[in-house]
C-alpha atoms as a PDB file:
ATOM      1  CA  MET A   1     143.750 143.312 144.636  1.00  0.00           C
ATOM      2  CA  THR A   2     144.093 146.506 142.604  1.00  0.00           C
ATOM      3  CA  ARG A   3     141.641 146.901 139.792  1.00  0.00           C
ATOM      4  CA  SER A   4     139.535 149.410 137.962  1.00  0.00           C
ATOM      5  CA  THR A   5     135.982 149.488 139.223  1.00  0.00           C
ATOM      6  CA  ASP A   6     134.593 150.299 135.766  1.00  0.00           C
ATOM      7  CA  LEU A   7     133.069 147.505 133.787  1.00  0.00           C
ATOM      8  CA  PRO A   8     136.060 146.290 131.766  1.00  0.00           C
ATOM      9  CA  PHE A   9     136.681 147.799 128.337  1.00  0.00           C
ATOM     10  CA  GLU A  10     139.137 146.930 125.583  1.00  0.00           C
ATOM     11  CA  GLY A  11     142.706 147.613 126.688  1.00  0.00           C
ATOM     12  CA  GLU A  12     141.897 148.075 130.370  1.00  0.00           C
ATOM     13  CA  THR A  13     144.601 146.672 132.631  1.00  0.00           C
ATOM     14  CA  ALA A  14     144.561 145.470 136.207  1.00  0.00           C
ATOM     15  CA  ILE A  15     146.702 143.725 138.796  1.00  0.00           C
ATOM     16  CA  ALA A  16     145.536 140.541 140.497  1.00  0.00           C
ATOM     17  CA  LEU A  17     147.284 138.863 143.400  1.00  0.00           C
ATOM     18  CA  PHE A  18     148.008 135.164 143.781  1.00  0.00           C
ATOM     19  CA  GLN A  19     149.658 134.373 147.121  1.00  0.00           C
ATOM     20  CA  ALA A  20     151.317 137.829 147.254  1.00  0.00           C
ATOM     21  CA  LYS A  21     152.532 137.535 143.642  1.00  0.00           C
ATOM     22  CA  GLN A  22     151.347 140.170 141.176  1.00  0.00           C
ATOM     23  CA  VAL A  23     149.750 138.901 137.980  1.00  0.00           C
ATOM     24  CA  ARG A  24     149.154 141.586 135.365  1.00  0.00           C
ATOM     25  CA  ARG A  25     146.123 141.247 133.143  1.00  0.00           C
ATOM     26  CA  ILE A  26     144.502 143.181 130.294  1.00  0.00           C
ATOM     27  CA  PHE A  27     140.979 143.113 128.873  1.00  0.00           C
ATOM     28  CA  HIS A  28     141.120 142.040 125.217  1.00  0.00           C
ATOM     29  CA  ASP A  29     138.476 140.631 122.867  1.00  0.00           C
ATOM     30  CA  ASP A  30     135.865 140.636 125.653  1.00  0.00           C
ATOM     31  CA  GLU A  31     137.897 138.607 128.170  1.00  0.00           C
ATOM     32  CA  TRP A  32     140.862 138.897 130.500  1.00  0.00           C
ATOM     33  CA  TYR A  33     144.333 137.979 129.222  1.00  0.00           C
ATOM     34  CA  PHE A  34     147.035 137.265 131.819  1.00  0.00           C
ATOM     35  CA  SER A  35     150.787 137.847 131.686  1.00  0.00           C
ATOM     36  CA  ILE A  36     152.313 134.403 131.216  1.00  0.00           C
ATOM     37  CA  ILE A  37     155.658 135.464 132.692  1.00  0.00           C
ATOM     38  CA  ASP A  38     153.902 136.620 135.876  1.00  0.00           C
ATOM     39  CA  VAL A  39     152.133 133.275 136.106  1.00  0.00           C
ATOM     40  CA  VAL A  40     155.404 131.385 135.603  1.00  0.00           C
ATOM     41  CA  GLU A  41     157.021 133.393 138.382  1.00  0.00           C
ATOM     42  CA  ALA A  42     154.073 132.784 140.716  1.00  0.00           C
ATOM     43  CA  LEU A  43     154.099 129.025 140.089  1.00  0.00           C
ATOM     44  CA  THR A  44     157.826 128.294 139.944  1.00  0.00           C
ATOM     45  CA  ASP A  45     159.531 130.962 142.078  1.00  0.00           C
ATOM     46  CA  SER A  46     162.065 131.027 139.253  1.00  0.00           C
ATOM     47  CA  GLY A  47     164.705 133.728 139.482  1.00  0.00           C
ATOM     48  CA  THR A  48     164.566 133.997 135.699  1.00  0.00           C
ATOM     49  CA  PRO A  49     160.873 133.557 134.781  1.00  0.00           C
ATOM     50  CA  ARG A  50     161.408 135.094 131.344  1.00  0.00           C
ATOM     51  CA  ARG A  51     164.052 132.456 130.513  1.00  0.00           C
ATOM     52  CA  TYR A  52     161.862 129.697 131.968  1.00  0.00           C
ATOM     53  CA  TRP A  53     158.933 130.765 129.780  1.00  0.00           C
ATOM     54  CA  SER A  54     161.158 131.131 126.694  1.00  0.00           C
ATOM     55  CA  ASP A  55     162.344 127.529 127.065  1.00  0.00           C
ATOM     56  CA  LEU A  56     158.838 126.242 127.757  1.00  0.00           C
ATOM     57  CA  LYS A  57     157.381 128.157 124.796  1.00  0.00           C
ATOM     58  CA  ALA A  58     160.026 126.693 122.498  1.00  0.00           C
ATOM     59  CA  LYS A  59     159.139 123.223 123.762  1.00  0.00           C
ATOM     60  CA  LEU A  60     155.423 123.828 123.182  1.00  0.00           C
ATOM     61  CA  GLY A  61     156.195 125.054 119.681  1.00  0.00           C
ATOM     62  CA  ARG A  62     158.112 121.867 118.873  1.00  0.00           C
ATOM     63  CA  GLU A  63     155.348 119.571 120.018  1.00  0.00           C
ATOM     64  CA  ALA A  64     152.811 118.996 117.264  1.00  0.00           C
ATOM     65  CA  GLY A  65     149.940 118.607 119.693  1.00  0.00           C
ATOM     66  CA  ASP A  66     150.551 122.083 121.089  1.00  0.00           C
ATOM     67  CA  LEU A  67     150.795 124.058 117.839  1.00  0.00           C
ATOM     68  CA  GLN A  68     147.285 125.434 118.271  1.00  0.00           C
ATOM     69  CA  LEU A  69     148.049 126.463 121.852  1.00  0.00           C
ATOM     70  CA  TYR A  70     151.227 128.186 120.686  1.00  0.00           C
ATOM     71  CA  ASP A  71     149.181 130.198 118.156  1.00  0.00           C
ATOM     72  CA  GLU A  72     146.763 131.350 120.863  1.00  0.00           C
ATOM     73  CA  ILE A  73     149.449 133.201 122.794  1.00  0.00           C
ATOM     74  CA  VAL A  74     148.930 136.937 122.203  1.00  0.00           C
ATOM     75  CA  GLN A  75     151.439 139.738 122.662  1.00  0.00           C
ATOM     76  CA  LEU A  76     149.809 142.727 124.360  1.00  0.00           C
ATOM     77  CA  LYS A  77     151.240 145.842 125.989  1.00  0.00           C
ATOM     78  CA  LEU A  78     151.407 145.798 129.790  1.00  0.00           C
ATOM     79  CA  GLU A  79     153.154 148.135 132.199  1.00  0.00           C
ATOM     80  CA  ALA A  80     156.660 146.899 133.058  1.00  0.00           C
ATOM     81  CA  ALA A  81     158.607 147.473 136.283  1.00  0.00           C
ATOM     82  CA  ASP A  82     160.063 150.692 134.845  1.00  0.00           C
ATOM     83  CA  GLY A  83     156.564 152.098 134.249  1.00  0.00           C
ATOM     84  CA  ARG A  84     156.734 151.747 130.464  1.00  0.00           C
ATOM     85  CA  LEU A  85     154.287 149.799 128.345  1.00  0.00           C
ATOM     86  CA  ARG A  86     155.983 146.782 126.786  1.00  0.00           C
ATOM     87  CA  GLU A  87     154.645 143.924 124.706  1.00  0.00           C
ATOM     88  CA  THR A  88     154.512 140.677 126.650  1.00  0.00           C
ATOM     89  CA  ASP A  89     153.094 137.211 126.045  1.00  0.00           C
ATOM     90  CA  THR A  90     149.562 136.850 127.386  1.00  0.00           C
ATOM     91  CA  ALA A  91     146.896 134.164 127.326  1.00  0.00           C
ATOM     92  CA  ASN A  92     143.230 133.911 128.223  1.00  0.00           C
ATOM     93  CA  ALA A  93     142.076 131.658 131.056  1.00  0.00           C
ATOM     94  CA  GLU A  94     141.515 128.596 128.847  1.00  0.00           C
ATOM     95  CA  THR A  95     144.911 128.775 127.159  1.00  0.00           C
ATOM     96  CA  LEU A  96     146.636 129.601 130.432  1.00  0.00           C
ATOM     97  CA  LEU A  97     145.220 126.469 132.060  1.00  0.00           C
ATOM     98  CA  ARG A  98     146.716 124.391 129.259  1.00  0.00           C
ATOM     99  CA  ILE A  99     150.097 126.060 129.724  1.00  0.00           C
ATOM    100  CA  ILE A 100     149.964 125.385 133.463  1.00  0.00           C
ATOM    101  CA  GLN A 101     149.598 121.668 132.711  1.00  0.00           C
ATOM    102  CA  SER A 102     153.153 121.824 131.338  1.00  0.00           C
ATOM    103  CA  ILE A 103     154.588 123.407 134.499  1.00  0.00           C
ATOM    104  CA  PRO A 104     155.511 120.863 137.195  1.00  0.00           C
ATOM    105  CA  SER A 105     154.638 122.773 140.352  1.00  0.00           C
ATOM    106  CA  PRO A 106     152.831 121.981 143.633  1.00  0.00           C
ATOM    107  CA  LYS A 107     151.236 125.433 143.315  1.00  0.00           C
ATOM    108  CA  ALA A 108     149.433 124.492 140.112  1.00  0.00           C
ATOM    109  CA  GLU A 109     146.168 123.322 141.679  1.00  0.00           C
ATOM    110  CA  PRO A 110     145.656 126.394 143.923  1.00  0.00           C
ATOM    111  CA  PHE A 111     146.451 128.585 140.939  1.00  0.00           C
ATOM    112  CA  LYS A 112     143.873 126.799 138.787  1.00  0.00           C
ATOM    113  CA  ARG A 113     141.232 127.445 141.441  1.00  0.00           C
ATOM    114  CA  TRP A 114     142.287 131.100 141.686  1.00  0.00           C
ATOM    115  CA  LEU A 115     142.166 131.517 137.906  1.00  0.00           C
ATOM    116  CA  ALA A 116     138.752 129.868 137.714  1.00  0.00           C
ATOM    117  CA  ARG A 117     137.444 132.249 140.373  1.00  0.00           C
ATOM    118  CA  VAL A 118     138.752 135.323 138.512  1.00  0.00           C
ATOM    119  CA  ALA A 119     137.200 134.096 135.269  1.00  0.00           C
ATOM    120  CA  PHE A 120     133.919 133.275 137.018  1.00  0.00           C
ATOM    121  CA  GLU A 121     133.687 136.796 138.463  1.00  0.00           C
ATOM    122  CA  ARG A 122     134.009 138.207 134.943  1.00  0.00           C
ATOM    123  CA  LEU A 123     131.372 135.783 133.613  1.00  0.00           C
ATOM    124  CA  GLN A 124     128.963 136.815 136.370  1.00  0.00           C
ATOM    125  CA  GLU A 125     129.453 140.478 135.541  1.00  0.00           C
ATOM    126  CA  TYR A 126     128.987 139.845 131.826  1.00  0.00           C
ATOM    127  CA  GLN A 127     125.703 138.028 132.447  1.00  0.00           C
ATOM    128  CA  ASP A 128     124.520 140.415 135.163  1.00  0.00           C
ATOM    129  CA  PRO A 129     126.159 143.889 134.938  1.00  0.00           C
ATOM    130  CA  GLU A 130     124.317 144.942 138.110  1.00  0.00           C
ATOM    131  CA  LYS A 131     126.687 142.719 140.082  1.00  0.00           C
ATOM    132  CA  ALA A 132     129.653 144.711 138.797  1.00  0.00           C
ATOM    133  CA  ILE A 133     127.863 147.947 139.686  1.00  0.00           C
ATOM    134  CA  ARG A 134     127.142 146.744 143.233  1.00  0.00           C
ATOM    135  CA  ARG A 135     130.763 145.671 143.641  1.00  0.00           C
ATOM    136  CA  ALA A 136     131.941 149.047 142.335  1.00  0.00           C
ATOM    137  CA  ILE A 137     129.761 150.884 144.865  1.00  0.00           C
ATOM    138  CA  LEU A 138     131.161 148.792 147.718  1.00  0.00           C
ATOM    139  CA  ASP A 139     134.738 149.310 146.532  1.00  0.00           C
ATOM    140  CA  TYR A 140     134.287 153.085 146.412  1.00  0.00           C
ATOM    141  CA  GLN A 141     132.677 153.118 149.847  1.00  0.00           C
ATOM    142  CA  LEU A 142     135.596 151.171 151.300  1.00  0.00           C
ATOM    143  CA  GLN A 143     137.980 153.705 149.738  1.00  0.00           C
ATOM    144  CA  GLY A 144     136.186 156.532 151.542  1.00  0.00           C
ATOM    145  CA  TYR A 145     134.361 158.257 148.703  1.00  0.00           C
ATOM    146  CA  ASP A 146     131.135 160.008 149.711  1.00  0.00           C
ATOM    147  CA  ASP A 147     127.768 158.782 148.487  1.00  0.00           C
ATOM    148  CA  ASP A 148     127.051 161.759 146.195  1.00  0.00           C
ATOM    149  CA  TRP A 149     130.367 161.291 144.377  1.00  0.00           C
ATOM    150  CA  ILE A 150     129.784 157.532 144.080  1.00  0.00           C
ATOM    151  CA  ASP A 151     126.335 158.105 142.576  1.00  0.00           C
ATOM    152  CA  THR A 152     127.821 160.420 139.937  1.00  0.00           C
ATOM    153  CA  ARG A 153     130.706 158.041 139.243  1.00  0.00           C
ATOM    154  CA  ILE A 154     128.365 155.098 138.670  1.00  0.00           C
ATOM    155  CA  LYS A 155     126.373 157.167 136.191  1.00  0.00           C
ATOM    156  CA  THR A 156     129.574 157.823 134.221  1.00  0.00           C
ATOM    157  CA  ILE A 157     130.236 154.074 134.116  1.00  0.00           C
ATOM    158  CA  VAL A 158     126.817 153.558 132.558  1.00  0.00           C
ATOM    159  CA  SER A 159     127.293 156.429 130.107  1.00  0.00           C
ATOM    160  CA  ARG A 160     130.692 155.077 129.074  1.00  0.00           C
ATOM    161  CA  LYS A 161     129.230 151.631 128.356  1.00  0.00           C
ATOM    162  CA  GLU A 162     126.456 153.223 126.315  1.00  0.00           C
ATOM    163  CA  LEU A 163     129.021 155.225 124.323  1.00  0.00           C
ATOM    164  CA  THR A 164     131.373 152.320 123.562  1.00  0.00           C
ATOM    165  CA  GLY A 165     128.422 150.113 122.671  1.00  0.00           C
ATOM    166  CA  GLU A 166     127.199 152.765 120.223  1.00  0.00           C
ATOM    167  CA  TRP A 167     130.670 153.076 118.700  1.00  0.00           C
ATOM    168  CA  ALA A 168     130.941 149.319 118.243  1.00  0.00           C
ATOM    169  CA  ARG A 169     127.555 149.195 116.497  1.00  0.00           C
ATOM    170  CA  ARG A 170     128.626 152.028 114.199  1.00  0.00           C
ATOM    171  CA  GLY A 171     131.822 150.384 113.000  1.00  0.00           C
ATOM    172  CA  VAL A 172     134.397 152.021 115.282  1.00  0.00           C
ATOM    173  CA  LYS A 173     137.154 149.566 116.196  1.00  0.00           C
ATOM    174  CA  GLU A 174     137.924 148.817 119.827  1.00  0.00           C
ATOM    175  CA  GLY A 175     141.362 149.703 121.076  1.00  0.00           C
ATOM    176  CA  GLN A 176     143.118 152.553 119.292  1.00  0.00           C
ATOM    177  CA  GLU A 177     140.041 154.070 117.636  1.00  0.00           C
ATOM    178  CA  PHE A 178     138.093 154.010 120.916  1.00  0.00           C
ATOM    179  CA  ALA A 179     141.069 155.697 122.626  1.00  0.00           C
ATOM    180  CA  ILE A 180     141.365 158.387 119.933  1.00  0.00           C
ATOM    181  CA  LEU A 181     137.665 159.292 120.100  1.00  0.00           C
ATOM    182  CA  THR A 182     137.768 159.313 123.913  1.00  0.00           C
ATOM    183  CA  ASN A 183     140.677 161.747 123.732  1.00  0.00           C
ATOM    184  CA  VAL A 184     138.771 163.926 121.242  1.00  0.00           C
ATOM    185  CA  ILE A 185     135.849 164.250 123.668  1.00  0.00           C
ATOM    186  CA  SER A 186     138.250 165.042 126.523  1.00  0.00           C
ATOM    187  CA  GLU A 187     140.094 167.745 124.556  1.00  0.00           C
ATOM    188  CA  GLU A 188     136.847 169.421 123.533  1.00  0.00           C
ATOM    189  CA  THR A 189     135.319 169.123 127.012  1.00  0.00           C
ATOM    190  CA  PHE A 190     138.269 170.108 129.199  1.00  0.00           C
ATOM    191  CA  GLY A 191     140.731 171.713 126.793  1.00  0.00           C
ATOM    192  CA  VAL A 192     143.212 168.914 127.547  1.00  0.00           C
ATOM    193  CA  GLY A 193     143.534 165.292 126.448  1.00  0.00           C
ATOM    194  CA  VAL A 194     143.299 162.318 128.781  1.00  0.00           C
ATOM    195  CA  GLN A 195     147.044 162.052 129.425  1.00  0.00           C
ATOM    196  CA  ALA A 196     147.468 165.780 130.048  1.00  0.00           C
ATOM    197  CA  HIS A 197     144.486 165.656 132.424  1.00  0.00           C
ATOM    198  CA  LYS A 198     146.186 162.830 134.326  1.00  0.00           C
ATOM    199  CA  GLU A 199     149.424 164.783 134.533  1.00  0.00           C
ATOM    200  CA  HIS A 200     147.511 167.797 135.862  1.00  0.00           C
ATOM    201  CA  LYS A 201     146.303 165.565 138.695  1.00  0.00           C
ATOM    202  CA  SER A 202     149.777 164.021 139.287  1.00  0.00           C
ATOM    203  CA  LEU A 203     148.505 160.595 138.223  1.00  0.00           C
ATOM    204  CA  LYS A 204     150.504 157.761 136.710  1.00  0.00           C
ATOM    205  CA  ARG A 205     149.686 155.956 133.469  1.00  0.00           C
ATOM    206  CA  ASN A 206     147.978 153.048 135.246  1.00  0.00           C
ATOM    207  CA  HIS A 207     145.627 155.264 137.294  1.00  0.00           C
ATOM    208  CA  ASN A 208     141.987 155.488 136.245  1.00  0.00           C
ATOM    209  CA  LEU A 209     141.439 159.199 135.575  1.00  0.00           C
ATOM    210  CA  ARG A 210     137.734 159.115 136.371  1.00  0.00           C
ATOM    211  CA  ASP A 211     138.375 157.692 139.819  1.00  0.00           C
ATOM    212  CA  HIS A 212     140.220 160.946 140.560  1.00  0.00           C
ATOM    213  CA  MET A 213     137.802 163.450 139.020  1.00  0.00           C
ATOM    214  CA  THR A 214     135.723 165.891 141.020  1.00  0.00           C
ATOM    215  CA  ASP A 215     131.970 165.562 140.703  1.00  0.00           C
ATOM    216  CA  LEU A 216     131.901 168.519 138.288  1.00  0.00           C
ATOM    217  CA  GLU A 217     134.503 166.882 136.060  1.00  0.00           C
ATOM    218  CA  LEU A 218     132.472 163.663 136.089  1.00  0.00           C
ATOM    219  CA  ILE A 219     129.266 165.497 135.182  1.00  0.00           C
ATOM    220  CA  LEU A 220     130.956 167.249 132.251  1.00  0.00           C
ATOM    221  CA  THR A 221     132.476 163.957 131.115  1.00  0.00           C
ATOM    222  CA  MET A 222     129.031 162.397 131.108  1.00  0.00           C
ATOM    223  CA  LEU A 223     127.555 165.384 129.252  1.00  0.00           C
ATOM    224  CA  GLY A 224     130.203 165.068 126.532  1.00  0.00           C
ATOM    225  CA  GLU A 225     129.617 161.333 126.142  1.00  0.00           C
ATOM    226  CA  LYS A 226     125.813 161.506 126.188  1.00  0.00           C
ATOM    227  CA  SER A 227     125.896 164.360 123.665  1.00  0.00           C
ATOM    228  CA  THR A 228     128.201 162.320 121.426  1.00  0.00           C
ATOM    229  CA  VAL A 229     125.870 159.319 121.542  1.00  0.00           C
ATOM    230  CA  ASN A 230     122.811 161.373 120.619  1.00  0.00           C
ATOM    231  CA  ILE A 231     124.595 163.269 117.843  1.00  0.00           C
ATOM    232  CA  ALA A 232     125.873 159.990 116.357  1.00  0.00           C
ATOM    233  CA  ARG A 233     122.343 158.604 116.386  1.00  0.00           C
ATOM    234  CA  ALA A 234     120.815 161.757 114.881  1.00  0.00           C
ATOM    235  CA  ARG A 235     123.396 161.742 112.056  1.00  0.00           C
ATOM    236  CA  ASP A 236     123.490 157.961 111.751  1.00  0.00           C
ATOM    237  CA  ALA A 237     127.290 158.312 111.886  1.00  0.00           C
ATOM    238  CA  GLN A 238     129.106 155.296 110.472  1.00  0.00           C
ATOM    239  CA  GLY A 239     132.778 154.430 110.762  1.00  0.00           C
ATOM    240  CA  PHE A 240     135.639 156.195 112.487  1.00  0.00           C
ATOM    241  CA  GLN A 241     135.685 159.535 110.676  1.00  0.00           C
ATOM    242  CA  GLN A 242     131.958 160.269 110.969  1.00  0.00           C
ATOM    243  CA  ASN A 243     131.986 159.285 114.630  1.00  0.00           C
ATOM    244  CA  ARG A 244     135.029 161.479 115.184  1.00  0.00           C
ATOM    245  CA  GLY A 245     132.920 164.400 113.969  1.00  0.00           C
ATOM    246  CA  ALA A 246     130.158 163.434 116.408  1.00  0.00           C
ATOM    247  CA  ALA A 247     132.715 163.135 119.237  1.00  0.00           C
ATOM    248  CA  THR A 248     134.112 166.587 118.422  1.00  0.00           C
ATOM    249  CA  ASP A 249     130.700 168.226 118.453  1.00  0.00           C
ATOM    250  CA  GLY A 250     129.539 166.287 121.520  1.00  0.00           C
ATOM    251  CA  GLY A 251     132.646 167.346 123.397  1.00  0.00           C
ATOM    252  CA  LYS A 252     132.149 170.974 122.320  1.00  0.00           C
ATOM    253  CA  ILE A 253     128.716 170.999 123.971  1.00  0.00           C
ATOM    254  CA  ALA A 254     130.304 169.934 127.262  1.00  0.00           C
ATOM    255  CA  GLY A 255     133.172 172.361 126.672  1.00  0.00           C
ATOM    256  CA  ASP A 256     130.754 175.277 126.256  1.00  0.00           C
ATOM    257  CA  ALA A 257     129.061 174.286 129.523  1.00  0.00           C
ATOM    258  CA  ARG A 258     132.455 174.175 131.252  1.00  0.00           C
ATOM    259  CA  ARG A 259     133.475 177.610 130.013  1.00  0.00           C
ATOM    260  CA  ASN A 260     130.134 179.142 131.056  1.00  0.00           C
ATOM    261  CA  LEU A 261     130.507 177.620 134.506  1.00  0.00           C
ATOM    262  CA  GLU A 262     134.096 178.788 134.836  1.00  0.00           C
ATOM    263  CA  ARG A 263     133.047 182.371 134.039  1.00  0.00           C
ATOM    264  CA  GLU A 264     130.533 182.216 136.884  1.00  0.00           C
ATOM    265  CA  LEU A 265     132.924 180.533 139.332  1.00  0.00           C
ATOM    266  CA  GLY A 266     135.946 182.604 138.416  1.00  0.00           C
ATOM    267  CA  GLU A 267     138.165 179.519 138.431  1.00  0.00           C
ATOM    268  CA  SER A 268     138.999 176.468 136.342  1.00  0.00           C
ATOM    269  CA  VAL A 269     136.832 173.385 136.611  1.00  0.00           C
ATOM    270  CA  VAL A 270     139.792 171.236 135.560  1.00  0.00           C
ATOM    271  CA  SER A 271     141.056 170.414 139.037  1.00  0.00           C
ATOM    272  CA  PRO A 272     144.493 169.188 140.165  1.00  0.00           C
ATOM    273  CA  SER A 273     142.791 167.324 143.031  1.00  0.00           C
ATOM    274  CA  ASN A 274     143.044 163.555 143.180  1.00  0.00           C
ATOM    275  CA  PHE A 275     142.208 160.716 145.556  1.00  0.00           C
ATOM    276  CA  LEU A 276     145.653 159.174 145.901  1.00  0.00           C
ATOM    277  CA  PRO A 277     146.089 157.554 149.330  1.00  0.00           C
ATOM    278  CA  ASP A 278     149.248 159.518 150.112  1.00  0.00           C
ATOM    279  CA  ARG A 279     147.467 162.850 149.717  1.00  0.00           C
ATOM    280  CA  ARG A 280     144.734 164.413 151.776  1.00  0.00           C
ATOM    281  CA  ARG A 281     141.386 163.762 150.202  1.00  0.00           C
ATOM    282  CA  PRO A 282     140.149 167.000 148.579  1.00  0.00           C
ATOM    283  CA  GLU A 283     136.862 168.596 149.405  1.00  0.00           C
ATOM    284  CA  LEU A 284     134.636 168.101 146.369  1.00  0.00           C
ATOM    285  CA  PRO A 285     132.372 170.949 145.213  1.00  0.00           C
ATOM    286  CA  THR A 286     128.690 170.246 145.770  1.00  0.00           C
ATOM    287  CA  GLU A 287     125.576 171.380 143.973  1.00  0.00           C
END
């Protein structure tokens, strides 16, 4: 199963596997939403799952008892086979279970159990975030990261949750506004936005940038985010524009630290190194 080891945030995507079938999912409104077409393909082995779902959706829309279910289907952007983000029908676990009831398939019961397990894992993490942290540590260890890097990475997970929680309390909207402010901090800290930073590391859109940062990049990321949080609190920043100002100034503090360090090192801290499995793992700088 391929997934981000961060605690989920709005718009985060992941791939789950059900009997070797990929099921795309995205975190939205504090829960996982699953690609309905992927589920249809996994349950029916249909050669045309999109057509199958289109016919089934039309049937659900015609049936008075399923009007509410039909309204709960949400179109969200997920990565398609060509690598582009495209809107696709998604549903949360509860709605998806109701849709499955309409699909005559011997695979339905195993899929229900699989879906319940995925949802239960999320519920456990929501109630006890330490479980997600412990799972993240184990995942990183299995991937071969060293303990010092893992310790720094976990700290950035905590700092990110603190930052997004502060934004939410101060009236910043999840999704696009979170992404814009995150990019502001990145540009001020590293001189490049999130996407440009990924491209510098030869990463694809679905890769988690922080999982491919050096320890110095992680430390600067955390400095920018912690500075932003404290500036927002000191100014009592409210709404998107005021918090954008805090993000700019918080990122500048980390950016100044980066430039001072680069003058001493004589090289850029923004590294092209990554942890992709098809490349030799880079040696990370140590303190």
